Protein backbone atom coordinates (compact mmCIF):
# COMPACT_ATOMS: atom_id res chain seq x y z
CA UNK A 1 -0.96 -16.82 1.60
CA UNK A 2 0.10 -14.67 -0.29
CA UNK A 3 -0.55 -11.57 -2.19
CA UNK A 4 0.03 -10.12 -5.39
CA UNK A 5 0.28 -6.32 -6.08
CA UNK A 6 2.45 -5.65 -9.17
CA UNK A 7 6.35 -5.40 -9.78
CA UNK A 8 7.35 -8.54 -8.60
CA UNK A 9 6.41 -7.62 -5.16
CA UNK A 10 3.74 -10.19 -2.69
CA UNK A 11 2.87 -9.47 1.00
CA UNK A 12 1.81 -12.12 3.02
CA UNK A 13 -2.01 -11.40 3.98
CA UNK A 14 -2.17 -11.17 7.56
CA UNK A 15 0.45 -7.99 7.53
CA UNK A 16 -1.69 -5.99 5.51
CA UNK A 17 -3.91 -3.61 7.56
CA UNK A 18 -5.71 -2.15 4.61
CA UNK A 19 -6.14 -2.29 1.36
CA UNK A 20 -6.63 1.81 -0.27
CA UNK A 21 -8.49 3.58 -3.11
CA UNK A 22 -5.44 6.65 -2.98
CA UNK A 23 -8.54 8.67 -5.49
CA UNK A 24 -10.16 9.35 -2.32
CA UNK A 25 -7.50 9.55 -0.10
CA UNK A 26 -4.01 11.26 -1.17
CA UNK A 27 -5.45 14.48 0.14
CA UNK A 28 -6.59 13.52 3.43
CA UNK A 29 -4.77 14.99 6.15
CA UNK A 30 -4.26 11.54 7.53
CA UNK A 31 -2.89 9.95 4.89
CA UNK A 32 -0.04 12.46 4.17
CA UNK A 33 0.62 12.77 7.95
CA UNK A 34 1.47 8.80 6.98
CA UNK A 35 2.97 9.37 3.96
CA UNK A 36 5.36 11.60 5.70
CA UNK A 37 6.53 9.42 8.47
CA UNK A 38 7.16 6.09 6.28
CA UNK A 39 9.02 8.06 4.13
CA UNK A 40 10.87 9.82 7.14
CA UNK A 41 11.40 5.86 7.40
CA UNK A 42 12.37 5.00 4.31
CA UNK A 43 9.29 2.20 4.80
CA UNK A 44 7.34 4.02 1.38
CA UNK A 45 7.46 1.37 -1.63
CA UNK A 46 6.61 3.10 -5.32
CA UNK A 47 6.38 0.29 -7.44
CA UNK A 48 3.30 2.63 -9.55
CA UNK A 49 6.23 4.15 -12.37
CA UNK A 50 4.07 7.35 -11.55
CA UNK A 51 0.65 5.72 -12.00
CA UNK A 52 -0.76 5.28 -8.37
CA UNK A 53 -4.12 3.73 -8.14
CA UNK A 54 -4.09 2.43 -4.41
CA UNK A 55 -1.57 3.15 -1.67
CA UNK A 56 -1.47 -0.57 0.77
CA UNK A 57 -0.47 -0.46 4.50
CA UNK A 58 1.32 -3.57 5.78
CA UNK A 59 2.53 -4.37 9.44
CA UNK A 60 5.37 -6.71 10.11
CA UNK A 61 7.25 -7.46 13.20
CA UNK A 62 5.62 -4.27 14.40
CA UNK A 63 6.82 -2.61 11.37
CA UNK A 64 4.54 -0.65 9.70
CA UNK A 65 5.42 -0.50 5.50
CA UNK A 66 3.45 1.50 2.53
CA UNK A 67 2.92 0.09 -0.91
CA UNK A 68 1.82 2.57 -3.30
CA UNK A 69 0.76 0.40 -6.73
CA UNK A 70 -1.18 0.88 -9.51
CA UNK A 71 -2.73 -1.57 -9.62
CA UNK A 72 -6.17 -0.67 -8.13
CA UNK A 73 -7.22 -1.75 -4.94
CA UNK A 74 -10.86 -3.25 -5.52
CA UNK A 75 -8.08 -5.39 -8.19
CA UNK A 76 -6.33 -6.03 -5.19
CA UNK A 77 -9.38 -6.75 -2.52
CA UNK A 78 -10.84 -9.16 -5.08
CA UNK A 79 -6.72 -11.02 -5.27
CA UNK A 80 -7.95 -12.10 -1.73
CA UNK A 81 -10.88 -13.51 -1.96
């Protein structure tokens, strides 16, 4: 199955490592470190139009990518069920 995260983006469910509420993690050192690493590798996709509410971390072919979406993490999680 695929998960719709907005802006015509679909993610395969099996690739998802985690879905996080951006409000709670954005000031943590772990998030800042992951953000910097993904950004340096051009693996950070911001589809939030400046209204980021969730951070979705995925891994495909041993390569990690991060998505910042304007859909809330709880809403995205409900779509998985």
